Amino acid sequence: AAPVLPPLTVATESWPPNIARATARLHPLGAVVVADADEPPLPFGDAAFDLVVSRHPVTTWWEEIARVLAPGGTYFSQQVGPASVFELVEYFLGPQPPRVRRARDPEDARAAAQAAGLDVVALRAERLRTEFHDIGAVVYFLRKVIWMVPGFTVEQYRPRLAALHRRIEEDGPFVAHTARFLIEARKPL
């Protein structure tokens, strides 16, 4: 966390369970939390911010980011990359079509940022090993990250869970790979 926040610090949040949590954590630091529908337009004036950051946005509204950035302003984001943890997704849902596997490609983000008039200063992608050592960890993950296997319930997937449990017991951890990328873009002066 920054030791001192800028005089104007605003956070947007679109997921209802996080709005109260974000407000409770950020308001004491002097930040304002704005409930936002996660669709354009952002509820801010043109050139309102020198810095816009986001972590794991559902959608990156590049034109809106460019609009609210002041000239010379920077956008910095960590985002989920393509086919993140798809070993687990495909274990439960079966093979996913190429368009789904390719979604969230960092090069698409670069192109979209540039199309919105931003200069991409840096783009770094990583695939990181993720290990599930027991079936409880798998269930916990799928209940928390609800978009990975939509509608996941233990009851619905009990046979697949039992098979995966046996596999983990016999062969060791279930290995998946999480994909992330960092992008830094700047609005020209």
Protein backbone atom coordinates (compact mmCIF):
# COMPACT_ATOMS: atom_id res chain seq x y z
CA ALA A 1 0.00 0.00 0.00
CA ALA A 2 1.12 3.54 -0.67
CA PRO A 3 2.19 5.29 2.57
CA VAL A 4 0.34 8.46 1.56
CA LEU A 5 -2.40 8.52 -1.03
CA PRO A 6 -2.75 11.41 -3.47
CA PRO A 7 -5.36 14.04 -2.52
CA LEU A 8 -7.74 12.60 -5.12
CA THR A 9 -7.94 8.82 -4.81
CA VAL A 10 -10.99 7.03 -6.17
CA ALA A 11 -11.78 3.35 -6.56
CA THR A 12 -14.51 1.83 -8.67
CA GLU A 13 -16.08 -1.52 -7.87
CA SER A 14 -18.77 -3.36 -9.77
CA TRP A 15 -19.12 -6.62 -7.85
CA PRO A 16 -21.66 -6.04 -5.05
CA PRO A 17 -19.94 -8.26 -2.45
CA ASN A 18 -16.79 -6.12 -2.76
CA ILE A 19 -18.35 -2.64 -2.59
CA ALA A 20 -18.83 -2.57 1.20
CA ARG A 21 -15.46 -4.26 1.78
CA ALA A 22 -13.64 -1.77 -0.46
CA THR A 23 -15.37 1.16 1.23
CA ALA A 24 -14.47 -0.10 4.72
CA ARG A 25 -10.83 -0.54 3.77
CA LEU A 26 -10.28 2.52 1.59
CA HIS A 27 -12.42 5.24 3.21
CA PRO A 28 -10.15 5.48 6.30
CA LEU A 29 -7.26 6.16 3.91
CA GLY A 30 -9.12 9.07 2.31
CA ALA A 31 -10.23 7.24 -0.81
CA VAL A 32 -13.75 7.30 -2.20
CA VAL A 33 -15.34 4.11 -3.55
CA VAL A 34 -17.74 4.52 -6.45
CA ALA A 35 -20.13 1.68 -7.27
CA ASP A 36 -19.88 1.28 -11.02
CA ALA A 37 -21.72 -0.96 -13.48
CA ASP A 38 -18.44 -1.95 -15.21
CA GLU A 39 -19.52 -0.48 -18.49
CA PRO A 40 -18.84 2.83 -20.21
CA PRO A 41 -18.83 5.63 -19.47
CA LEU A 42 -16.70 5.78 -16.35
CA PRO A 43 -18.29 8.25 -13.91
CA PHE A 44 -15.43 10.77 -14.14
CA GLY A 45 -14.60 13.81 -16.23
CA ASP A 46 -12.09 13.96 -19.04
CA ALA A 47 -8.40 14.06 -18.01
CA ALA A 48 -9.34 13.56 -14.34
CA PHE A 49 -6.44 11.30 -13.30
CA ASP A 50 -2.68 11.10 -13.63
CA LEU A 51 -2.74 7.40 -12.79
CA VAL A 52 -5.34 4.68 -13.33
CA VAL A 53 -4.66 1.20 -11.99
CA SER A 54 -6.69 -1.97 -12.14
CA ARG A 55 -6.20 -5.53 -11.02
CA HIS A 56 -7.98 -8.34 -12.82
CA PRO A 57 -10.58 -6.20 -14.60
CA VAL A 58 -13.45 -8.15 -16.13
CA THR A 59 -13.35 -5.82 -19.12
CA THR A 60 -10.81 -3.12 -19.91
CA TRP A 61 -12.59 -0.12 -21.40
CA TRP A 62 -9.57 1.32 -23.20
CA GLU A 63 -11.36 4.32 -24.71
CA GLU A 64 -12.63 5.29 -21.25
CA ILE A 65 -9.20 4.86 -19.69
CA ALA A 66 -7.73 7.10 -22.37
CA ARG A 67 -10.51 9.65 -21.78
CA VAL A 68 -10.07 9.91 -17.99
CA LEU A 69 -6.25 9.98 -18.10
CA ALA A 70 -4.61 13.39 -18.13
CA PRO A 71 -2.02 13.94 -20.88
CA GLY A 72 1.13 12.11 -19.79
CA GLY A 73 -0.95 9.97 -17.41
CA THR A 74 -0.31 6.28 -16.91
CA TYR A 75 -2.47 3.18 -16.82
CA PHE A 76 -1.00 0.18 -14.99
CA SER A 77 -2.77 -3.14 -14.68
CA GLN A 78 -2.33 -6.77 -13.78
CA GLN A 79 -4.75 -8.87 -15.80
CA VAL A 80 -5.73 -12.49 -16.17
CA GLY A 81 -4.20 -13.93 -19.32
CA PRO A 82 -5.42 -16.53 -21.80
CA ALA A 83 -6.43 -20.06 -20.73
CA SER A 84 -5.72 -19.34 -17.07
CA VAL A 85 -6.11 -22.50 -14.96
CA PHE A 86 -7.73 -24.15 -17.99
CA GLU A 87 -6.37 -27.55 -16.99
CA LEU A 88 -8.94 -27.43 -14.16
CA VAL A 89 -11.65 -25.76 -16.26
CA GLU A 90 -11.33 -28.37 -18.99
CA TYR A 91 -11.22 -31.22 -16.48
CA PHE A 92 -14.77 -30.26 -15.48
CA LEU A 93 -16.18 -28.68 -18.65
CA GLY A 94 -14.27 -30.49 -21.38
CA PRO A 95 -12.19 -28.91 -24.16
CA GLN A 96 -12.91 -25.25 -24.71
CA PRO A 97 -13.11 -23.72 -28.20
CA PRO A 98 -10.09 -21.77 -29.50
CA ARG A 99 -11.86 -18.40 -29.12
CA VAL A 100 -12.38 -19.09 -25.40
CA ARG A 101 -8.82 -20.36 -24.90
CA ARG A 102 -7.43 -17.28 -26.68
CA ALA A 103 -9.56 -14.70 -24.83
CA ARG A 104 -7.57 -12.19 -22.77
CA ASP A 105 -4.49 -12.44 -24.96
CA PRO A 106 -1.97 -9.74 -23.95
CA GLU A 107 -1.31 -8.82 -27.58
CA ASP A 108 -5.02 -8.07 -27.99
CA ALA A 109 -4.73 -5.75 -24.97
CA ARG A 110 -1.75 -4.02 -26.58
CA ALA A 111 -3.68 -3.50 -29.83
CA ALA A 112 -6.76 -2.20 -28.01
CA ALA A 113 -4.71 0.23 -25.90
CA GLN A 114 -2.98 1.55 -29.01
CA ALA A 115 -6.30 1.84 -30.86
CA ALA A 116 -7.53 4.04 -27.98
CA GLY A 117 -4.54 6.35 -28.49
CA LEU A 118 -2.34 5.08 -25.65
CA ASP A 119 1.34 4.22 -25.94
CA VAL A 120 2.12 0.78 -24.50
CA VAL A 121 5.27 1.26 -22.44
CA ALA A 122 5.56 -2.29 -21.10
CA LEU A 123 3.81 -5.63 -21.50
CA ARG A 124 4.92 -8.72 -19.58
CA ALA A 125 3.18 -12.09 -19.56
CA GLU A 126 3.72 -15.08 -17.27
CA ARG A 127 2.29 -18.58 -16.84
CA LEU A 128 2.72 -19.74 -13.27
CA ARG A 129 2.38 -23.24 -11.88
CA THR A 130 -0.60 -23.78 -9.58
CA GLU A 131 -0.87 -26.99 -7.56
CA PHE A 132 -3.98 -28.46 -5.95
CA HIS A 133 -2.84 -30.92 -3.26
CA ASP A 134 -6.30 -32.12 -2.21
CA ILE A 135 -9.87 -32.11 -3.42
CA GLY A 136 -10.87 -29.64 -0.71
CA ALA A 137 -8.59 -27.04 -2.31
CA VAL A 138 -10.23 -27.67 -5.69
CA VAL A 139 -13.73 -27.26 -4.24
CA TYR A 140 -12.73 -24.12 -2.34
CA PHE A 141 -11.16 -22.59 -5.46
CA LEU A 142 -14.17 -23.33 -7.68
CA ARG A 143 -16.58 -21.93 -5.08
CA LYS A 144 -14.55 -18.71 -4.75
CA VAL A 145 -13.68 -18.23 -8.42
CA ILE A 146 -17.25 -18.78 -9.59
CA TRP A 147 -16.66 -17.92 -13.25
CA MET A 148 -14.19 -20.77 -13.83
CA VAL A 149 -16.84 -23.51 -13.80
CA PRO A 150 -20.17 -21.63 -13.88
CA GLY A 151 -22.81 -23.14 -11.63
CA PHE A 152 -20.29 -25.41 -9.90
CA THR A 153 -21.70 -27.49 -7.05
CA VAL A 154 -20.25 -30.52 -5.32
CA GLU A 155 -23.47 -32.41 -6.00
CA GLN A 156 -23.40 -31.78 -9.75
CA TYR A 157 -19.72 -32.67 -10.12
CA ARG A 158 -19.44 -35.39 -7.45
CA PRO A 159 -18.29 -38.16 -9.87
CA ARG A 160 -15.58 -35.92 -11.43
CA LEU A 161 -14.52 -34.73 -7.97
CA ALA A 162 -14.24 -38.32 -6.73
CA ALA A 163 -12.14 -39.27 -9.75
CA LEU A 164 -9.91 -36.23 -9.27
CA HIS A 165 -9.56 -37.04 -5.56
CA ARG A 166 -8.34 -40.55 -6.44
CA ARG A 167 -5.96 -39.12 -9.03
CA ILE A 168 -4.45 -36.66 -6.52
CA GLU A 169 -4.15 -39.41 -3.90
CA GLU A 170 -2.37 -41.73 -6.35
CA ASP A 171 -0.32 -39.33 -8.50
CA GLY A 172 0.19 -36.23 -6.38
CA PRO A 173 -1.00 -32.67 -6.92
CA PHE A 174 -3.21 -31.65 -9.81
CA VAL A 175 -1.14 -29.11 -11.74
CA ALA A 176 -2.62 -26.16 -13.59
CA HIS A 177 -1.10 -22.93 -14.85
CA THR A 178 -2.38 -19.47 -14.10
CA ALA A 179 -1.81 -16.83 -16.77
CA ARG A 180 -1.23 -13.18 -15.90
CA PHE A 181 0.08 -10.13 -17.65
CA LEU A 182 1.15 -6.66 -16.64
CA ILE A 183 0.49 -3.77 -18.97
CA GLU A 184 1.64 -0.19 -18.64
CA ALA A 185 0.25 2.36 -21.07
CA ARG A 186 0.70 6.11 -21.22
CA LYS A 187 -1.43 8.86 -22.69
CA PRO A 188 0.70 11.08 -24.95
CA LEU A 189 1.29 14.69 -23.85
